[in-house]
Amino acid sequence: AESMAFLYEQGGFLEAAFAEADRGARLQPGIPYLALKAARLAMEVGRLDAAEHWYERALESDPNGSIAITDAAEFFASHGSPDHATDLIRSFEFLRSSNTTAWKTAARVHVVLGDEARAEEIAPCYGAGGMPIVFDSCHAS
């Protein structure tokens, strides 16, 4: 199912890609990568209910996974659950992750939540604007 989802996605057949990703994630519950793939494709085809379901499954499977947390936070921040998004971002920041992609997503979440100052504070965590990456400053405030 994962391979077919990839092929459909590459061909621009997003509905079919989502159907295969959804099937793959159901066949192999507990694998956060598959749940995240299904969630992302659900977003692309406008299936917000399915996206929420798969983001929650990804968080259950990998409660300390920086990508699962920040991607889910971005979804919830953008779709009417700012308190849930804030809780997720706080939990991510307490992890002190070295994942620059996750920090960049966290900065976007802060912007969506209206906290541009915090987004700027964490810019060194992902090297924004060519800044040197400084993980010592990457923590929850």
C-alpha atoms as a PDB file:
ATOM      1  CA  ALA A   1       0.000   0.000   0.000  1.00  0.00           C
ATOM      2  CA  GLU A   2       2.843   2.404   0.824  1.00  0.00           C
ATOM      3  CA  SER A   3       4.491   1.863  -2.556  1.00  0.00           C
ATOM      4  CA  MET A   4       1.217   2.372  -4.388  1.00  0.00           C
ATOM      5  CA  ALA A   5       0.542   5.541  -2.384  1.00  0.00           C
ATOM      6  CA  PHE A   6       3.947   6.845  -3.451  1.00  0.00           C
ATOM      7  CA  LEU A   7       3.345   6.018  -7.123  1.00  0.00           C
ATOM      8  CA  TYR A   8      -0.113   7.569  -7.130  1.00  0.00           C
ATOM      9  CA  GLU A   9       1.201  10.670  -5.392  1.00  0.00           C
ATOM     10  CA  GLN A  10       4.038  11.055  -7.892  1.00  0.00           C
ATOM     11  CA  GLY A  11       1.529  10.730 -10.719  1.00  0.00           C
ATOM     12  CA  GLY A  12      -0.698  13.422  -9.230  1.00  0.00           C
ATOM     13  CA  PHE A  13      -3.490  11.025  -8.301  1.00  0.00           C
ATOM     14  CA  LEU A  14      -3.879  12.342  -4.783  1.00  0.00           C
ATOM     15  CA  GLU A  15      -7.240  10.727  -3.979  1.00  0.00           C
ATOM     16  CA  ALA A  16      -5.853   7.311  -4.908  1.00  0.00           C
ATOM     17  CA  ALA A  17      -2.633   8.073  -3.023  1.00  0.00           C
ATOM     18  CA  PHE A  18      -4.615   8.956   0.094  1.00  0.00           C
ATOM     19  CA  ALA A  19      -6.726   5.795  -0.214  1.00  0.00           C
ATOM     20  CA  GLU A  20      -3.572   3.658  -0.368  1.00  0.00           C
ATOM     21  CA  ALA A  21      -1.835   5.541   2.463  1.00  0.00           C
ATOM     22  CA  ASP A  22      -4.961   5.217   4.584  1.00  0.00           C
ATOM     23  CA  ARG A  23      -5.111   1.485   3.840  1.00  0.00           C
ATOM     24  CA  GLY A  24      -1.421   1.043   4.628  1.00  0.00           C
ATOM     25  CA  ALA A  25      -1.706   2.893   7.930  1.00  0.00           C
ATOM     26  CA  ARG A  26      -4.720   0.768   8.915  1.00  0.00           C
ATOM     27  CA  LEU A  27      -2.918  -2.443   7.983  1.00  0.00           C
ATOM     28  CA  GLN A  28       0.131  -1.474  10.051  1.00  0.00           C
ATOM     29  CA  PRO A  29      -1.107   0.466  13.064  1.00  0.00           C
ATOM     30  CA  GLY A  30       1.527   1.793  15.390  1.00  0.00           C
ATOM     31  CA  ILE A  31       3.939   2.944  12.686  1.00  0.00           C
ATOM     32  CA  PRO A  32       4.033   6.739  12.991  1.00  0.00           C
ATOM     33  CA  TYR A  33       5.560   7.306   9.548  1.00  0.00           C
ATOM     34  CA  LEU A  34       2.559   5.636   7.889  1.00  0.00           C
ATOM     35  CA  ALA A  35       0.079   7.578  10.016  1.00  0.00           C
ATOM     36  CA  LEU A  36       1.841  10.845   9.150  1.00  0.00           C
ATOM     37  CA  LYS A  37       1.834   9.991   5.448  1.00  0.00           C
ATOM     38  CA  ALA A  38      -1.902   9.282   5.589  1.00  0.00           C
ATOM     39  CA  ALA A  39      -2.496  12.525   7.524  1.00  0.00           C
ATOM     40  CA  ARG A  40      -0.535  14.641   5.053  1.00  0.00           C
ATOM     41  CA  LEU A  41      -2.316  13.154   2.054  1.00  0.00           C
ATOM     42  CA  ALA A  42      -5.679  13.530   3.797  1.00  0.00           C
ATOM     43  CA  MET A  43      -4.884  17.234   4.135  1.00  0.00           C
ATOM     44  CA  GLU A  44      -4.023  17.487   0.446  1.00  0.00           C
ATOM     45  CA  VAL A  45      -7.384  16.040  -0.579  1.00  0.00           C
ATOM     46  CA  GLY A  46      -9.353  18.057   1.969  1.00  0.00           C
ATOM     47  CA  ARG A  47     -10.231  15.188   4.300  1.00  0.00           C
ATOM     48  CA  LEU A  48      -9.708  17.069   7.555  1.00  0.00           C
ATOM     49  CA  ASP A  49     -11.505  14.422   9.601  1.00  0.00           C
ATOM     50  CA  ALA A  50      -9.116  11.747   8.355  1.00  0.00           C
ATOM     51  CA  ALA A  51      -6.118  14.055   8.804  1.00  0.00           C
ATOM     52  CA  GLU A  52      -7.050  14.647  12.437  1.00  0.00           C
ATOM     53  CA  HIS A  53      -7.494  10.907  12.974  1.00  0.00           C
ATOM     54  CA  TRP A  54      -4.078  10.072  11.523  1.00  0.00           C
ATOM     55  CA  TYR A  55      -2.261  12.880  13.349  1.00  0.00           C
ATOM     56  CA  GLU A  56      -3.722  11.582  16.615  1.00  0.00           C
ATOM     57  CA  ARG A  57      -2.635   8.010  15.738  1.00  0.00           C
ATOM     58  CA  ALA A  58       0.886   9.241  14.931  1.00  0.00           C
ATOM     59  CA  LEU A  59       1.056  10.964  18.322  1.00  0.00           C
ATOM     60  CA  GLU A  60      -0.163   7.816  20.079  1.00  0.00           C
ATOM     61  CA  SER A  61       2.473   5.729  18.288  1.00  0.00           C
ATOM     62  CA  ASP A  62       5.323   8.164  18.846  1.00  0.00           C
ATOM     63  CA  PRO A  63       4.464  10.538  21.708  1.00  0.00           C
ATOM     64  CA  ASN A  64       8.000  11.963  21.784  1.00  0.00           C
ATOM     65  CA  GLY A  65       8.528  12.072  18.034  1.00  0.00           C
ATOM     66  CA  SER A  66       9.510  15.578  17.048  1.00  0.00           C
ATOM     67  CA  ILE A  67       8.045  15.370  13.537  1.00  0.00           C
ATOM     68  CA  ALA A  68       4.786  13.792  14.725  1.00  0.00           C
ATOM     69  CA  ILE A  69       4.383  16.474  17.385  1.00  0.00           C
ATOM     70  CA  THR A  70       5.211  19.483  15.229  1.00  0.00           C
ATOM     71  CA  ASP A  71       3.269  18.329  12.168  1.00  0.00           C
ATOM     72  CA  ALA A  72       0.216  17.637  14.342  1.00  0.00           C
ATOM     73  CA  ALA A  73       0.630  21.004  16.068  1.00  0.00           C
ATOM     74  CA  GLU A  74       0.714  22.740  12.690  1.00  0.00           C
ATOM     75  CA  PHE A  75      -2.490  20.963  11.683  1.00  0.00           C
ATOM     76  CA  PHE A  76      -4.297  21.797  14.921  1.00  0.00           C
ATOM     77  CA  ALA A  77      -3.084  25.421  14.918  1.00  0.00           C
ATOM     78  CA  SER A  78      -4.429  25.874  11.398  1.00  0.00           C
ATOM     79  CA  HIS A  79      -7.720  24.064  11.948  1.00  0.00           C
ATOM     80  CA  GLY A  80      -9.338  25.514  15.027  1.00  0.00           C
ATOM     81  CA  SER A  81      -7.585  23.837  17.950  1.00  0.00           C
ATOM     82  CA  PRO A  82      -5.046  26.415  19.108  1.00  0.00           C
ATOM     83  CA  ASP A  83      -4.957  25.136  22.694  1.00  0.00           C
ATOM     84  CA  HIS A  84      -4.101  21.624  21.523  1.00  0.00           C
ATOM     85  CA  ALA A  85      -1.458  23.043  19.184  1.00  0.00           C
ATOM     86  CA  THR A  86       0.054  25.090  22.018  1.00  0.00           C
ATOM     87  CA  ASP A  87       0.242  22.029  24.271  1.00  0.00           C
ATOM     88  CA  LEU A  88       1.929  20.043  21.516  1.00  0.00           C
ATOM     89  CA  ILE A  89       4.485  22.761  20.773  1.00  0.00           C
ATOM     90  CA  ARG A  90       5.310  23.083  24.467  1.00  0.00           C
ATOM     91  CA  SER A  91       5.852  19.336  24.705  1.00  0.00           C
ATOM     92  CA  PHE A  92       8.087  19.481  21.625  1.00  0.00           C
ATOM     93  CA  GLU A  93      10.177  22.330  23.010  1.00  0.00           C
ATOM     94  CA  PHE A  94      10.708  20.434  26.273  1.00  0.00           C
ATOM     95  CA  LEU A  95      12.235  17.592  24.252  1.00  0.00           C
ATOM     96  CA  ARG A  96      15.168  19.821  23.221  1.00  0.00           C
ATOM     97  CA  SER A  97      15.264  18.058  19.871  1.00  0.00           C
ATOM     98  CA  SER A  98      18.119  18.505  17.433  1.00  0.00           C
ATOM     99  CA  ASN A  99      15.745  18.064  14.486  1.00  0.00           C
ATOM    100  CA  THR A 100      16.013  21.323  12.534  1.00  0.00           C
ATOM    101  CA  THR A 101      13.011  20.490  10.349  1.00  0.00           C
ATOM    102  CA  ALA A 102      10.828  20.107  13.437  1.00  0.00           C
ATOM    103  CA  TRP A 103      12.086  23.433  14.850  1.00  0.00           C
ATOM    104  CA  LYS A 104      11.251  25.157  11.584  1.00  0.00           C
ATOM    105  CA  THR A 105       7.725  23.722  11.751  1.00  0.00           C
ATOM    106  CA  ALA A 106       7.494  24.853  15.381  1.00  0.00           C
ATOM    107  CA  ALA A 107       8.345  28.391  14.305  1.00  0.00           C
ATOM    108  CA  ARG A 108       5.542  28.298  11.707  1.00  0.00           C
ATOM    109  CA  VAL A 109       3.138  27.085  14.399  1.00  0.00           C
ATOM    110  CA  HIS A 110       4.090  29.984  16.652  1.00  0.00           C
ATOM    111  CA  VAL A 111       3.367  32.390  13.785  1.00  0.00           C
ATOM    112  CA  VAL A 112      -0.038  30.799  13.136  1.00  0.00           C
ATOM    113  CA  LEU A 113      -0.781  31.068  16.859  1.00  0.00           C
ATOM    114  CA  GLY A 114       0.137  34.762  16.745  1.00  0.00           C
ATOM    115  CA  ASP A 115       3.416  34.508  18.671  1.00  0.00           C
ATOM    116  CA  GLU A 116       5.902  35.934  16.173  1.00  0.00           C
ATOM    117  CA  ALA A 117       8.295  36.812  19.011  1.00  0.00           C
ATOM    118  CA  ARG A 118       8.639  33.156  20.010  1.00  0.00           C
ATOM    119  CA  ALA A 119       9.086  32.172  16.362  1.00  0.00           C
ATOM    120  CA  GLU A 120      12.014  34.591  16.191  1.00  0.00           C
ATOM    121  CA  GLU A 121      13.445  33.323  19.495  1.00  0.00           C
ATOM    122  CA  ILE A 122      13.691  29.785  18.181  1.00  0.00           C
ATOM    123  CA  ALA A 123      15.152  30.775  14.792  1.00  0.00           C
ATOM    124  CA  PRO A 124      18.676  29.711  15.909  1.00  0.00           C
ATOM    125  CA  CYS A 125      17.288  26.201  16.444  1.00  0.00           C
ATOM    126  CA  TYR A 126      16.964  25.702  12.688  1.00  0.00           C
ATOM    127  CA  GLY A 127      19.448  28.195  11.295  1.00  0.00           C
ATOM    128  CA  ALA A 128      16.995  30.755   9.910  1.00  0.00           C
ATOM    129  CA  GLY A 129      18.482  33.254   7.511  1.00  0.00           C
ATOM    130  CA  GLY A 130      21.860  31.552   7.530  1.00  0.00           C
ATOM    131  CA  MET A 131      22.183  31.826  11.318  1.00  0.00           C
ATOM    132  CA  PRO A 132      24.437  29.250  12.924  1.00  0.00           C
ATOM    133  CA  ILE A 133      22.424  26.491  14.547  1.00  0.00           C
ATOM    134  CA  VAL A 134      22.642  26.830  18.344  1.00  0.00           C
ATOM    135  CA  PHE A 135      20.779  24.065  20.146  1.00  0.00           C
ATOM    136  CA  ASP A 136      21.695  25.405  23.592  1.00  0.00           C
ATOM    137  CA  SER A 137      19.027  28.054  23.113  1.00  0.00           C
ATOM    138  CA  CYS A 138      16.384  25.552  22.011  1.00  0.00           C
ATOM    139  CA  HIS A 139      14.131  24.957  24.974  1.00  0.00           C
ATOM    140  CA  ALA A 140      10.697  25.742  26.211  1.00  0.00           C
ATOM    141  CA  SER A 141      10.122  29.207  27.534  1.00  0.00           C
END
